[in-house]
């Protein structure tokens, strides 16, 4: 199976460049799950948003190609992998936290993020 390659940025704008990587419907949700401790394909499938397996496969490959997470085997037969955030991926936690706060403020029916997600780890 071919791994997803990153496309060339459409401009030098940092917002556009970032959105080229995380601006789809699913990538930030998967990163949210990684921040919350999910690592394996089946764990991502258990999220309430019900991502399709083909979309999850594609987005995990994109996340890996962008250097936001690394894929490591945890089982050899059959081959299975888990994903771990890199420092680059962990650096997206503060913007994700701000998105949560904005969503809670403007859409009061939304879930409040767990304290563990909202805590900042400044050691990385």
Protein backbone atom coordinates (compact mmCIF):
# COMPACT_ATOMS: atom_id res chain seq x y z
CA UNK A 1 0.00 0.00 0.00
CA UNK A 2 1.39 3.40 -0.98
CA UNK A 3 1.77 5.90 1.83
CA UNK A 4 0.24 9.34 1.42
CA UNK A 5 2.65 12.04 0.29
CA UNK A 6 2.28 15.68 1.25
CA UNK A 7 1.26 18.06 -1.49
CA UNK A 8 3.09 21.27 -2.18
CA UNK A 9 1.63 24.19 -0.18
CA UNK A 10 -0.69 26.39 -2.24
CA UNK A 11 1.02 29.53 -0.90
CA UNK A 12 3.49 30.75 1.68
CA UNK A 13 0.66 31.75 4.02
CA UNK A 14 1.08 29.89 7.34
CA UNK A 15 -2.70 29.57 7.75
CA UNK A 16 -3.18 28.10 4.26
CA UNK A 17 -0.17 25.80 4.70
CA UNK A 18 -1.46 24.53 8.05
CA UNK A 19 -4.96 24.04 6.66
CA UNK A 20 -3.51 22.01 3.78
CA UNK A 21 -2.46 19.48 6.44
CA UNK A 22 -5.11 19.70 9.18
CA UNK A 23 -7.98 21.54 7.52
CA UNK A 24 -10.09 18.57 6.48
CA UNK A 25 -13.02 17.17 8.42
CA UNK A 26 -11.08 14.43 10.25
CA UNK A 27 -7.42 15.20 10.93
CA UNK A 28 -7.92 17.39 14.01
CA UNK A 29 -10.39 14.85 15.42
CA UNK A 30 -7.78 12.09 15.07
CA UNK A 31 -5.14 14.34 16.64
CA UNK A 32 -7.59 15.07 19.48
CA UNK A 33 -7.88 11.33 20.02
CA UNK A 34 -4.10 10.93 20.02
CA UNK A 35 -3.76 13.69 22.63
CA UNK A 36 -6.36 11.78 24.67
CA UNK A 37 -4.26 8.60 24.51
CA UNK A 38 -5.64 6.66 21.56
CA UNK A 39 -2.96 4.93 19.51
CA UNK A 40 -4.49 2.09 17.54
CA UNK A 41 -6.70 1.95 14.47
CA UNK A 42 -9.54 0.25 16.34
CA UNK A 43 -9.42 2.92 19.07
CA UNK A 44 -9.84 5.69 16.49
CA UNK A 45 -12.79 3.79 14.99
CA UNK A 46 -14.47 3.80 18.42
CA UNK A 47 -14.72 7.61 18.44
CA UNK A 48 -18.28 8.96 18.37
CA UNK A 49 -17.78 10.68 15.00
CA UNK A 50 -17.74 7.27 13.24
CA UNK A 51 -14.97 7.79 10.72
CA UNK A 52 -14.94 5.36 7.80
CA UNK A 53 -12.01 2.92 7.71
CA UNK A 54 -10.74 4.12 4.31
CA UNK A 55 -10.79 7.76 5.47
CA UNK A 56 -9.04 6.84 8.73
CA UNK A 57 -6.33 4.97 6.81
CA UNK A 58 -5.80 7.97 4.53
CA UNK A 59 -5.71 10.53 7.37
CA UNK A 60 -3.31 8.46 9.50
CA UNK A 61 -0.97 8.26 6.51
CA UNK A 62 -1.24 12.04 6.05
CA UNK A 63 -0.56 12.65 9.75
CA UNK A 64 2.50 10.41 9.52
CA UNK A 65 3.73 12.02 6.27
CA UNK A 66 3.36 15.48 7.84
CA UNK A 67 5.56 14.38 10.74
CA UNK A 68 2.78 14.83 13.31
CA UNK A 69 2.93 11.21 14.46
CA UNK A 70 5.08 8.14 13.99
CA UNK A 71 3.76 4.69 13.16
CA UNK A 72 5.22 1.81 15.16
CA UNK A 73 4.43 -1.90 14.87
CA UNK A 74 2.93 -3.49 17.96
CA UNK A 75 2.13 -6.88 16.36
CA UNK A 76 3.90 -8.71 13.56
CA UNK A 77 1.38 -11.38 12.47
CA UNK A 78 -0.82 -9.88 11.25
CA UNK A 79 1.10 -6.62 11.02
CA UNK A 80 -0.57 -3.95 13.16
CA UNK A 81 0.57 -0.49 14.05
CA UNK A 82 0.02 2.17 16.65
CA UNK A 83 0.59 5.89 16.31
CA UNK A 84 2.39 8.22 18.66
CA UNK A 85 2.48 12.00 18.45
CA UNK A 86 5.80 13.60 17.66
CA UNK A 87 6.84 16.88 19.25
CA UNK A 88 5.50 18.58 16.13
CA UNK A 89 2.14 16.87 16.66
CA UNK A 90 2.12 17.67 20.38
CA UNK A 91 2.61 21.34 19.48
CA UNK A 92 -0.93 21.30 18.07
CA UNK A 93 -2.44 20.70 21.52
CA UNK A 94 -2.66 24.42 22.47
CA UNK A 95 -4.55 25.33 19.27
CA UNK A 96 -6.84 22.32 19.81
CA UNK A 97 -7.47 23.51 23.37
CA UNK A 98 -8.34 26.98 22.11
CA UNK A 99 -10.74 25.50 19.54
CA UNK A 100 -12.41 23.58 22.38
CA UNK A 101 -12.79 26.73 24.47
CA UNK A 102 -14.17 28.67 21.50
CA UNK A 103 -16.64 25.87 20.70
CA UNK A 104 -17.82 25.66 24.32
CA UNK A 105 -18.28 29.44 24.47
CA UNK A 106 -20.24 29.77 21.24
CA UNK A 107 -21.96 26.36 21.14
CA UNK A 108 -22.99 25.64 24.75
CA UNK A 109 -24.36 22.18 23.88
CA UNK A 110 -20.83 20.91 23.07
CA UNK A 111 -18.88 18.62 25.37
CA UNK A 112 -16.40 20.07 27.82
CA UNK A 113 -12.96 18.61 27.17
CA UNK A 114 -11.46 16.43 29.91
CA UNK A 115 -9.03 18.15 32.26
CA UNK A 116 -6.25 15.88 31.02
CA UNK A 117 -6.76 17.26 27.49
CA UNK A 118 -6.87 20.88 28.65
CA UNK A 119 -3.74 20.62 30.82
CA UNK A 120 -0.64 21.98 29.13
CA UNK A 121 2.59 20.08 29.37
CA UNK A 122 5.27 22.74 28.94
CA UNK A 123 8.07 20.21 29.34
CA UNK A 124 8.06 19.28 25.64
